[in-house]
């Protein structure tokens, strides 16, 4: 699926509060005893981006397509 999304606010800053473990998980550290750490961190990031871009659920972005 090809999809384009133009971010007009690309240089704006987004503040996300993560635990140290969540930040580490996003850098690639694996928490085998608690795999939900990375999932929770990604959820927080997605929620912050959706809030920053003022998106509704129906307009949700598949962030994997932006890479």
C-alpha atoms as a PDB file:
ATOM      1  CA  UNK A   1       0.000   0.000   0.000  1.00  0.00           C
ATOM      2  CA  UNK A   2       1.530   3.299  -1.078  1.00  0.00           C
ATOM      3  CA  UNK A   3       0.375   6.344   0.741  1.00  0.00           C
ATOM      4  CA  UNK A   4       1.712   9.862   1.030  1.00  0.00           C
ATOM      5  CA  UNK A   5       1.323  12.103   4.023  1.00  0.00           C
ATOM      6  CA  UNK A   6       2.655  15.629   4.125  1.00  0.00           C
ATOM      7  CA  UNK A   7       3.485  16.888   7.595  1.00  0.00           C
ATOM      8  CA  UNK A   8       3.292  20.678   7.611  1.00  0.00           C
ATOM      9  CA  UNK A   9       4.342  20.753  11.257  1.00  0.00           C
ATOM     10  CA  UNK A  10       7.456  18.681  10.648  1.00  0.00           C
ATOM     11  CA  UNK A  11       9.750  20.971  12.596  1.00  0.00           C
ATOM     12  CA  UNK A  12       7.454  21.351  15.621  1.00  0.00           C
ATOM     13  CA  UNK A  13       8.423  19.610  18.854  1.00  0.00           C
ATOM     14  CA  UNK A  14       6.419  16.888  20.556  1.00  0.00           C
ATOM     15  CA  UNK A  15       6.796  16.168  24.248  1.00  0.00           C
ATOM     16  CA  UNK A  16       6.355  12.567  25.369  1.00  0.00           C
ATOM     17  CA  UNK A  17       6.910  11.319  28.898  1.00  0.00           C
ATOM     18  CA  UNK A  18       8.594   7.911  28.838  1.00  0.00           C
ATOM     19  CA  UNK A  19      10.137   5.795  31.545  1.00  0.00           C
ATOM     20  CA  UNK A  20      13.826   4.972  31.188  1.00  0.00           C
ATOM     21  CA  UNK A  21      12.894   1.399  30.260  1.00  0.00           C
ATOM     22  CA  UNK A  22      10.485   2.625  27.560  1.00  0.00           C
ATOM     23  CA  UNK A  23      13.127   4.921  26.062  1.00  0.00           C
ATOM     24  CA  UNK A  24      15.649   2.092  26.095  1.00  0.00           C
ATOM     25  CA  UNK A  25      13.156  -0.256  24.447  1.00  0.00           C
ATOM     26  CA  UNK A  26      12.684   2.218  21.590  1.00  0.00           C
ATOM     27  CA  UNK A  27      16.445   2.227  20.977  1.00  0.00           C
ATOM     28  CA  UNK A  28      16.451  -1.553  20.529  1.00  0.00           C
ATOM     29  CA  UNK A  29      17.071  -2.901  24.024  1.00  0.00           C
ATOM     30  CA  UNK A  30      14.979  -6.026  24.551  1.00  0.00           C
ATOM     31  CA  UNK A  31      13.058  -6.656  27.733  1.00  0.00           C
ATOM     32  CA  UNK A  32      12.373 -10.372  27.456  1.00  0.00           C
ATOM     33  CA  UNK A  33      10.774 -10.483  30.884  1.00  0.00           C
ATOM     34  CA  UNK A  34       8.335  -7.683  29.933  1.00  0.00           C
ATOM     35  CA  UNK A  35       7.692  -7.317  26.180  1.00  0.00           C
ATOM     36  CA  UNK A  36       4.930  -4.781  26.864  1.00  0.00           C
ATOM     37  CA  UNK A  37       7.518  -2.070  27.607  1.00  0.00           C
ATOM     38  CA  UNK A  38       8.142  -1.364  23.926  1.00  0.00           C
ATOM     39  CA  UNK A  39       4.449  -1.603  23.063  1.00  0.00           C
ATOM     40  CA  UNK A  40       3.567   0.947  25.739  1.00  0.00           C
ATOM     41  CA  UNK A  41       6.297   3.336  24.559  1.00  0.00           C
ATOM     42  CA  UNK A  42       5.097   3.117  20.958  1.00  0.00           C
ATOM     43  CA  UNK A  43       1.506   3.690  22.088  1.00  0.00           C
ATOM     44  CA  UNK A  44       2.572   6.853  23.909  1.00  0.00           C
ATOM     45  CA  UNK A  45       4.430   8.118  20.843  1.00  0.00           C
ATOM     46  CA  UNK A  46       1.512   7.431  18.518  1.00  0.00           C
ATOM     47  CA  UNK A  47      -0.907   9.132  20.893  1.00  0.00           C
ATOM     48  CA  UNK A  48       1.343  12.201  21.185  1.00  0.00           C
ATOM     49  CA  UNK A  49       1.660  12.470  17.405  1.00  0.00           C
ATOM     50  CA  UNK A  50      -2.063  12.066  16.900  1.00  0.00           C
ATOM     51  CA  UNK A  51      -2.708  14.792  19.480  1.00  0.00           C
ATOM     52  CA  UNK A  52      -0.102  17.103  17.942  1.00  0.00           C
ATOM     53  CA  UNK A  53      -1.545  16.658  14.450  1.00  0.00           C
ATOM     54  CA  UNK A  54      -5.140  16.845  15.755  1.00  0.00           C
ATOM     55  CA  UNK A  55      -6.178  13.578  14.147  1.00  0.00           C
ATOM     56  CA  UNK A  56      -9.345  11.622  14.757  1.00  0.00           C
ATOM     57  CA  UNK A  57      -9.450   7.836  15.009  1.00  0.00           C
ATOM     58  CA  UNK A  58     -10.779   7.573  11.442  1.00  0.00           C
ATOM     59  CA  UNK A  59      -7.849   9.664  10.173  1.00  0.00           C
ATOM     60  CA  UNK A  60      -5.237   7.657  12.083  1.00  0.00           C
ATOM     61  CA  UNK A  61      -1.866   7.305  10.415  1.00  0.00           C
ATOM     62  CA  UNK A  62      -0.038   4.055   9.914  1.00  0.00           C
ATOM     63  CA  UNK A  63       3.330   5.459  11.006  1.00  0.00           C
ATOM     64  CA  UNK A  64       5.186   2.513   9.484  1.00  0.00           C
ATOM     65  CA  UNK A  65       4.278   3.906   6.041  1.00  0.00           C
ATOM     66  CA  UNK A  66       6.182   7.145   6.720  1.00  0.00           C
ATOM     67  CA  UNK A  67       9.582   5.460   6.675  1.00  0.00           C
END
